[in-house]
C-alpha atoms as a PDB file:
ATOM      1  CA  MET A   1      10.393 -13.083  -0.572  1.00  0.00           C
ATOM      2  CA  ALA A   2       9.568  -9.349  -0.362  1.00  0.00           C
ATOM      3  CA  LYS A   3      11.126  -8.764  -3.776  1.00  0.00           C
ATOM      4  CA  SER A   4       9.191 -11.680  -5.251  1.00  0.00           C
ATOM      5  CA  LEU A   5       5.927 -10.345  -3.822  1.00  0.00           C
ATOM      6  CA  LYS A   6       6.628  -6.898  -5.242  1.00  0.00           C
ATOM      7  CA  ASP A   7       7.209  -8.451  -8.641  1.00  0.00           C
ATOM      8  CA  GLN A   8       3.874 -10.236  -8.385  1.00  0.00           C
ATOM      9  CA  ASN A   9       2.159  -6.964  -7.469  1.00  0.00           C
ATOM     10  CA  ARG A  10       3.695  -4.946 -10.289  1.00  0.00           C
ATOM     11  CA  TRP A  11       0.962  -5.564 -12.821  1.00  0.00           C
ATOM     12  CA  HIS A  12      -1.688  -4.523 -10.276  1.00  0.00           C
ATOM     13  CA  LEU A  13       0.145  -1.229  -9.811  1.00  0.00           C
ATOM     14  CA  TRP A  14       0.463  -0.855 -13.572  1.00  0.00           C
ATOM     15  CA  LEU A  15      -3.308  -1.219 -13.940  1.00  0.00           C
ATOM     16  CA  ALA A  16      -3.836   1.379 -11.218  1.00  0.00           C
ATOM     17  CA  MET A  17      -1.458   3.783 -12.929  1.00  0.00           C
ATOM     18  CA  ALA A  18      -3.071   3.178 -16.328  1.00  0.00           C
ATOM     19  CA  ALA A  19      -6.531   3.853 -14.901  1.00  0.00           C
ATOM     20  CA  ASN A  20      -5.388   7.094 -13.278  1.00  0.00           C
ATOM     21  CA  ILE A  21      -3.665   8.267 -16.454  1.00  0.00           C
ATOM     22  CA  ILE A  22      -6.763   7.516 -18.542  1.00  0.00           C
ATOM     23  CA  VAL A  23      -9.036   9.413 -16.139  1.00  0.00           C
ATOM     24  CA  PHE A  24      -6.627  12.364 -16.072  1.00  0.00           C
ATOM     25  CA  TYR A  25      -6.303  12.317 -19.858  1.00  0.00           C
ATOM     26  CA  ALA A  26     -10.086  12.209 -20.269  1.00  0.00           C
ATOM     27  CA  LEU A  27     -10.416  15.207 -17.954  1.00  0.00           C
ATOM     28  CA  MET A  28      -7.820  17.195 -19.878  1.00  0.00           C
ATOM     29  CA  GLN A  29      -9.545  16.307 -23.175  1.00  0.00           C
ATOM     30  CA  SER A  30     -13.076  16.944 -21.890  1.00  0.00           C
ATOM     31  CA  ASP A  31     -13.756  19.737 -24.396  1.00  0.00           C
ATOM     32  CA  GLU A  32     -12.740  17.602 -27.368  1.00  0.00           C
ATOM     33  CA  ILE A  33     -14.750  14.662 -26.033  1.00  0.00           C
ATOM     34  CA  ALA A  34     -17.818  16.883 -25.728  1.00  0.00           C
ATOM     35  CA  ILE A  35     -17.469  17.773 -29.403  1.00  0.00           C
ATOM     36  CA  SER A  36     -16.327  14.511 -30.956  1.00  0.00           C
ATOM     37  CA  GLY A  37     -17.533  11.926 -28.433  1.00  0.00           C
ATOM     38  CA  PHE A  38     -15.663   9.196 -26.576  1.00  0.00           C
ATOM     39  CA  LYS A  39     -14.376   7.638 -29.792  1.00  0.00           C
ATOM     40  CA  VAL A  40     -11.643  10.268 -29.966  1.00  0.00           C
ATOM     41  CA  LEU A  41     -10.581   9.360 -26.412  1.00  0.00           C
ATOM     42  CA  ILE A  42     -10.355   5.664 -27.266  1.00  0.00           C
ATOM     43  CA  ASP A  43      -8.469   6.352 -30.490  1.00  0.00           C
ATOM     44  CA  GLN A  44      -5.912   8.579 -28.796  1.00  0.00           C
ATOM     45  CA  ALA A  45      -5.597   6.618 -25.565  1.00  0.00           C
ATOM     46  CA  THR A  46      -4.257   3.591 -27.422  1.00  0.00           C
ATOM     47  CA  HIS A  47      -1.207   5.676 -28.285  1.00  0.00           C
ATOM     48  CA  LEU A  48      -0.935   7.417 -24.936  1.00  0.00           C
ATOM     49  CA  LEU A  49       1.392   5.076 -23.067  1.00  0.00           C
ATOM     50  CA  PRO A  50       2.813   1.867 -24.543  1.00  0.00           C
ATOM     51  CA  VAL A  51       2.689  -1.114 -22.218  1.00  0.00           C
ATOM     52  CA  GLY A  52       6.451  -1.458 -21.953  1.00  0.00           C
ATOM     53  CA  LEU A  53       6.888   2.210 -21.087  1.00  0.00           C
ATOM     54  CA  ALA A  54       4.016   2.031 -18.613  1.00  0.00           C
ATOM     55  CA  ILE A  55       5.725  -0.779 -16.720  1.00  0.00           C
ATOM     56  CA  VAL A  56       8.955   1.229 -16.565  1.00  0.00           C
ATOM     57  CA  VAL A  57       7.107   4.348 -15.398  1.00  0.00           C
ATOM     58  CA  THR A  58       5.277   2.336 -12.729  1.00  0.00           C
ATOM     59  CA  THR A  59       8.572   0.958 -11.440  1.00  0.00           C
ATOM     60  CA  VAL A  60      10.133   4.430 -11.335  1.00  0.00           C
ATOM     61  CA  VAL A  61       7.148   6.034  -9.606  1.00  0.00           C
ATOM     62  CA  ASN A  62       7.019   3.232  -7.053  1.00  0.00           C
ATOM     63  CA  GLY A  63      10.681   3.884  -6.264  1.00  0.00           C
ATOM     64  CA  LEU A  64      10.279   7.615  -5.673  1.00  0.00           C
ATOM     65  CA  MET A  65       9.431   7.013  -2.022  1.00  0.00           C
ATOM     66  CA  SER A  66      11.474   4.896   0.372  1.00  0.00           C
ATOM     67  CA  ALA A  67       9.941   2.112   2.443  1.00  0.00           C
ATOM     68  CA  ASP A  68      10.210   4.328   5.534  1.00  0.00           C
ATOM     69  CA  ALA A  69       8.431   7.205   3.792  1.00  0.00           C
ATOM     70  CA  LYS A  70       5.643   4.877   2.664  1.00  0.00           C
ATOM     71  CA  ALA A  71       5.253   3.561   6.208  1.00  0.00           C
ATOM     72  CA  ARG A  72       4.966   7.105   7.574  1.00  0.00           C
ATOM     73  CA  LEU A  73       2.377   7.924   4.942  1.00  0.00           C
ATOM     74  CA  VAL A  74       0.301   4.812   5.635  1.00  0.00           C
ATOM     75  CA  PHE A  75       0.445   4.746   9.420  1.00  0.00           C
ATOM     76  CA  LEU A  76       0.513   8.540   9.901  1.00  0.00           C
ATOM     77  CA  ARG A  77       3.502   8.426  12.247  1.00  0.00           C
ATOM     78  CA  TRP A  78       6.882  10.035  11.838  1.00  0.00           C
ATOM     79  CA  ARG A  79       8.820   7.876  14.336  1.00  0.00           C
ATOM     80  CA  HIS A  80       8.317   4.145  14.802  1.00  0.00           C
ATOM     81  CA  ALA A  81       5.830   4.082  11.944  1.00  0.00           C
ATOM     82  CA  LEU A  82       5.838   0.344  11.217  1.00  0.00           C
ATOM     83  CA  PRO A  83       3.145  -1.730  12.941  1.00  0.00           C
ATOM     84  CA  GLY A  84       5.915  -4.022  14.183  1.00  0.00           C
ATOM     85  CA  HIS A  85       6.944  -1.193  16.508  1.00  0.00           C
ATOM     86  CA  ARG A  86       3.645  -1.765  18.359  1.00  0.00           C
ATOM     87  CA  ALA A  87       3.421  -5.518  17.844  1.00  0.00           C
ATOM     88  CA  PHE A  88       3.312  -6.539  21.499  1.00  0.00           C
ATOM     89  CA  SER A  89       2.124  -3.383  23.239  1.00  0.00           C
ATOM     90  CA  GLN A  90      -0.946  -3.011  20.995  1.00  0.00           C
ATOM     91  CA  TYR A  91      -1.628  -5.716  18.430  1.00  0.00           C
ATOM     92  CA  ALA A  92      -0.814  -8.884  20.401  1.00  0.00           C
ATOM     93  CA  MET A  93      -3.571  -8.107  22.887  1.00  0.00           C
ATOM     94  CA  SER A  94      -6.177  -7.125  20.298  1.00  0.00           C
ATOM     95  CA  ASP A  95      -6.369 -10.270  18.144  1.00  0.00           C
ATOM     96  CA  SER A  96      -8.323 -13.244  19.464  1.00  0.00           C
ATOM     97  CA  ARG A  97      -6.343 -15.630  17.251  1.00  0.00           C
ATOM     98  CA  ILE A  98      -3.188 -15.056  19.288  1.00  0.00           C
ATOM     99  CA  ASP A  99      -2.403 -17.330  22.220  1.00  0.00           C
ATOM    100  CA  VAL A 100      -0.672 -14.697  24.346  1.00  0.00           C
ATOM    101  CA  ALA A 101       0.909 -17.193  26.747  1.00  0.00           C
ATOM    102  CA  LYS A 102       2.506 -19.199  23.944  1.00  0.00           C
ATOM    103  CA  LEU A 103       3.583 -16.044  22.160  1.00  0.00           C
ATOM    104  CA  LYS A 104       5.247 -14.740  25.304  1.00  0.00           C
ATOM    105  CA  LYS A 105       7.063 -18.051  25.689  1.00  0.00           C
ATOM    106  CA  ALA A 106       8.318 -17.750  22.107  1.00  0.00           C
ATOM    107  CA  CYS A 107       9.700 -14.308  23.032  1.00  0.00           C
ATOM    108  CA  GLY A 108      11.632 -15.547  26.081  1.00  0.00           C
ATOM    109  CA  ASN A 109       8.745 -15.213  28.557  1.00  0.00           C
ATOM    110  CA  LYS A 110       8.738 -11.432  28.299  1.00  0.00           C
ATOM    111  CA  PHE A 111       7.377  -8.997  25.748  1.00  0.00           C
ATOM    112  CA  PRO A 112       9.689  -6.094  24.838  1.00  0.00           C
ATOM    113  CA  ASP A 113       8.507  -2.551  25.640  1.00  0.00           C
ATOM    114  CA  ASP A 114      10.808  -0.425  23.482  1.00  0.00           C
ATOM    115  CA  PRO A 115       9.352   0.139  19.980  1.00  0.00           C
ATOM    116  CA  ALA A 116      12.612  -0.749  18.227  1.00  0.00           C
ATOM    117  CA  GLU A 117      12.938  -3.939  20.275  1.00  0.00           C
ATOM    118  CA  GLN A 118       9.322  -4.830  19.552  1.00  0.00           C
ATOM    119  CA  ASN A 119       9.941  -4.511  15.835  1.00  0.00           C
ATOM    120  CA  SER A 120      13.161  -6.543  15.900  1.00  0.00           C
ATOM    121  CA  THR A 121      11.567  -9.259  18.044  1.00  0.00           C
ATOM    122  CA  TRP A 122       8.534  -9.394  15.759  1.00  0.00           C
ATOM    123  CA  TYR A 123      10.818  -9.591  12.718  1.00  0.00           C
ATOM    124  CA  ARG A 124      12.608 -12.570  14.260  1.00  0.00           C
ATOM    125  CA  LEU A 125       9.240 -14.284  14.660  1.00  0.00           C
ATOM    126  CA  TYR A 126       8.333 -13.388  11.089  1.00  0.00           C
ATOM    127  CA  LYS A 127      11.496 -14.963   9.658  1.00  0.00           C
ATOM    128  CA  SER A 128      10.583 -18.253  11.328  1.00  0.00           C
ATOM    129  CA  VAL A 129       7.135 -18.415   9.679  1.00  0.00           C
ATOM    130  CA  ASP A 130       7.636 -16.343   6.517  1.00  0.00           C
ATOM    131  CA  LYS A 131       6.864 -19.289   4.209  1.00  0.00           C
ATOM    132  CA  ALA A 132       3.426 -19.935   5.711  1.00  0.00           C
ATOM    133  CA  SER A 133       0.728 -19.317   3.084  1.00  0.00           C
ATOM    134  CA  ALA A 134      -1.372 -17.075   5.345  1.00  0.00           C
ATOM    135  CA  VAL A 135       1.657 -14.914   6.123  1.00  0.00           C
ATOM    136  CA  VAL A 136       2.714 -14.697   2.467  1.00  0.00           C
ATOM    137  CA  GLN A 137      -0.783 -13.671   1.348  1.00  0.00           C
ATOM    138  CA  VAL A 138      -1.287 -10.912   3.914  1.00  0.00           C
ATOM    139  CA  GLN A 139       2.238  -9.608   3.310  1.00  0.00           C
ATOM    140  CA  ARG A 140       1.507  -9.426  -0.398  1.00  0.00           C
ATOM    141  CA  ASP A 141      -1.747  -7.552   0.263  1.00  0.00           C
ATOM    142  CA  PHE A 142       0.075  -5.128   2.552  1.00  0.00           C
ATOM    143  CA  LEU A 143       2.852  -4.405   0.065  1.00  0.00           C
ATOM    144  CA  LEU A 144       0.358  -3.887  -2.754  1.00  0.00           C
ATOM    145  CA  THR A 145      -1.890  -1.483  -0.837  1.00  0.00           C
ATOM    146  CA  ARG A 146       1.102   0.340   0.685  1.00  0.00           C
ATOM    147  CA  ASP A 147       2.613   0.970  -2.738  1.00  0.00           C
ATOM    148  CA  TYR A 148      -0.785   1.919  -4.146  1.00  0.00           C
ATOM    149  CA  ALA A 149      -1.298   4.409  -1.297  1.00  0.00           C
ATOM    150  CA  ALA A 150       2.072   6.008  -2.065  1.00  0.00           C
ATOM    151  CA  PHE A 151       1.276   6.118  -5.768  1.00  0.00           C
ATOM    152  CA  SER A 152      -2.176   7.640  -5.172  1.00  0.00           C
ATOM    153  CA  ALA A 153      -0.628  10.321  -2.941  1.00  0.00           C
ATOM    154  CA  LEU A 154       1.714  11.308  -5.765  1.00  0.00           C
ATOM    155  CA  CYS A 155      -1.256  11.289  -8.179  1.00  0.00           C
ATOM    156  CA  ALA A 156      -3.221  13.592  -5.883  1.00  0.00           C
ATOM    157  CA  ILE A 157      -0.367  16.092  -5.895  1.00  0.00           C
ATOM    158  CA  ALA A 158       0.693  15.929  -9.548  1.00  0.00           C
ATOM    159  CA  PHE A 159      -2.627  15.353 -11.299  1.00  0.00           C
ATOM    160  CA  GLY A 160      -4.586  17.438  -8.798  1.00  0.00           C
ATOM    161  CA  LEU A 161      -2.415  20.528  -9.261  1.00  0.00           C
ATOM    162  CA  ALA A 162      -2.438  20.090 -13.047  1.00  0.00           C
ATOM    163  CA  ALA A 163      -6.233  19.874 -13.053  1.00  0.00           C
ATOM    164  CA  LEU A 164      -6.582  22.987 -10.894  1.00  0.00           C
ATOM    165  CA  ALA A 165      -4.325  24.877 -13.288  1.00  0.00           C
ATOM    166  CA  LYS A 166      -5.771  23.638 -16.586  1.00  0.00           C
ATOM    167  CA  VAL A 167      -9.346  22.401 -16.149  1.00  0.00           C
ATOM    168  CA  GLN A 168     -12.379  24.649 -16.190  1.00  0.00           C
ATOM    169  CA  PRO A 169     -14.861  25.119 -14.632  1.00  0.00           C
ATOM    170  CA  LEU A 170     -13.342  25.089 -11.173  1.00  0.00           C
ATOM    171  CA  ARG A 171     -16.018  22.768  -9.757  1.00  0.00           C
ATOM    172  CA  VAL A 172     -14.907  20.037 -12.187  1.00  0.00           C
ATOM    173  CA  SER A 173     -11.272  20.266 -11.171  1.00  0.00           C
ATOM    174  CA  LEU A 174     -12.252  20.360  -7.485  1.00  0.00           C
ATOM    175  CA  ALA A 175     -14.430  17.263  -7.932  1.00  0.00           C
ATOM    176  CA  TYR A 176     -11.518  15.485  -9.603  1.00  0.00           C
ATOM    177  CA  LEU A 177      -9.180  16.532  -6.797  1.00  0.00           C
ATOM    178  CA  ALA A 178     -11.701  15.190  -4.263  1.00  0.00           C
ATOM    179  CA  PHE A 179     -11.704  11.877  -6.150  1.00  0.00           C
ATOM    180  CA  LEU A 180      -7.895  11.702  -5.976  1.00  0.00           C
ATOM    181  CA  VAL A 181      -7.895  12.469  -2.254  1.00  0.00           C
ATOM    182  CA  LEU A 182     -10.583   9.835  -1.639  1.00  0.00           C
ATOM    183  CA  GLN A 183      -8.558   7.295  -3.616  1.00  0.00           C
ATOM    184  CA  PHE A 184      -5.555   7.992  -1.392  1.00  0.00           C
ATOM    185  CA  MET A 185      -7.565   7.822   1.834  1.00  0.00           C
ATOM    186  CA  LEU A 186      -9.102   4.472   0.919  1.00  0.00           C
ATOM    187  CA  ALA A 187      -5.764   3.006  -0.188  1.00  0.00           C
ATOM    188  CA  ARG A 188      -4.032   4.301   2.947  1.00  0.00           C
ATOM    189  CA  GLN A 189      -6.662   2.836   5.244  1.00  0.00           C
ATOM    190  CA  ALA A 190      -6.550  -0.506   3.456  1.00  0.00           C
ATOM    191  CA  ALA A 191      -2.749  -0.572   3.737  1.00  0.00           C
ATOM    192  CA  ALA A 192      -2.906   0.273   7.455  1.00  0.00           C
ATOM    193  CA  ASN A 193      -5.411  -2.538   8.018  1.00  0.00           C
ATOM    194  CA  TYR A 194      -3.361  -5.045   6.062  1.00  0.00           C
ATOM    195  CA  GLY A 195      -0.193  -3.939   7.864  1.00  0.00           C
ATOM    196  CA  ALA A 196      -1.767  -4.610  11.249  1.00  0.00           C
ATOM    197  CA  ARG A 197      -3.135  -7.920   9.963  1.00  0.00           C
ATOM    198  CA  PHE A 198       0.327  -8.873   8.721  1.00  0.00           C
ATOM    199  CA  VAL A 199       1.788  -8.325  12.194  1.00  0.00           C
ATOM    200  CA  THR A 200      -0.942 -10.241  14.008  1.00  0.00           C
ATOM    201  CA  THR A 201      -0.970 -13.101  11.495  1.00  0.00           C
ATOM    202  CA  VAL A 202       2.727 -13.692  12.100  1.00  0.00           C
ATOM    203  CA  MET A 203       2.206 -13.734  15.875  1.00  0.00           C
ATOM    204  CA  ALA A 204      -0.881 -15.953  15.663  1.00  0.00           C
ATOM    205  CA  HIS A 205       0.951 -18.422  13.429  1.00  0.00           C
ATOM    206  CA  LYS A 206       3.993 -18.438  15.686  1.00  0.00           C
ATOM    207  CA  ALA A 207       1.862 -19.044  18.785  1.00  0.00           C
ATOM    208  CA  ALA A 208      -0.122 -21.851  17.163  1.00  0.00           C
ATOM    209  CA  PRO A 209       0.702 -25.417  18.278  1.00  0.00           C
ATOM    210  CA  SER A 210       2.008 -26.357  14.813  1.00  0.00           C
ATOM    211  CA  ALA A 211       4.314 -23.329  14.501  1.00  0.00           C
ATOM    212  CA  PRO A 212       7.944 -24.223  13.756  1.00  0.00           C
ATOM    213  CA  LYS A 213      10.438 -23.721  16.557  1.00  0.00           C
ATOM    214  CA  THR A 214      13.316 -21.251  16.266  1.00  0.00           C
END
């Protein structure tokens, strides 16, 4: 399922990469654009990155960081970064959709305390409801925003440093760098929100009266 969702998200990530490349290219060609107008940008951009190559590049860039590294980046934790590590100690009590008594019964009448045990217990619950449409949708949103956050972090480093080195005046390159950092911060926050929602949606669905039994 996770692989299928990533495949569905790939074209969204390609669009994000294409947009970032076009903005970066426009910045690097700002002098020529000022002289010849935006027509030169449009004419040259059509030859900048063929669609097939762009899809390959997107796939490669998305694979530069492991799932664990992406989780650390999104949730700003080095150890026990995944929201599943705090599923019962934090998230189960903070979502009004969750029937805590029924959820506890589904976990053997006791919530685990250890972060690793919380994550493994939550994952067991997830596997029993992973085909539910609400779970599939929020998982897809989480994977998309997580991968976009990782991609935007790499953009901030690579494109930001290139702009600082090549683009004048300095205020323009600094403004562009600020845009890249803001893009990352927004994507990271969205991914963190969707990650938490993914965890709570699984628990709410499992604790609902119609939830399938394991």
